[in-house]
Amino acid sequence: MWTTVYMTQSIDTARAMREKIEESHIIVMMRSIKPQEDAVESCYEILVPNAELKAALDIIIDE
């Protein structure tokens, strides 16, 4: 099962956070969320497996 650990509206920030977490050999999934059909901007969600949740959160907090 996957858990969301980070959300942002910036694709660059999402990619940077994904790379930072992956440096610690944690599997990361990133997906785009567009709340409505007419929405101008998307949100980007960073997800990790539940087993890696604490380690990923430690990385985010240290960032």
Foldseek 3Di string as FASTA:
>chain_A
DKDWDDKDQDPVVVVVLCVQLCVVVFDKDKDWADPDPPGPTIMITIIGPPVCNVVSNVSVVVD
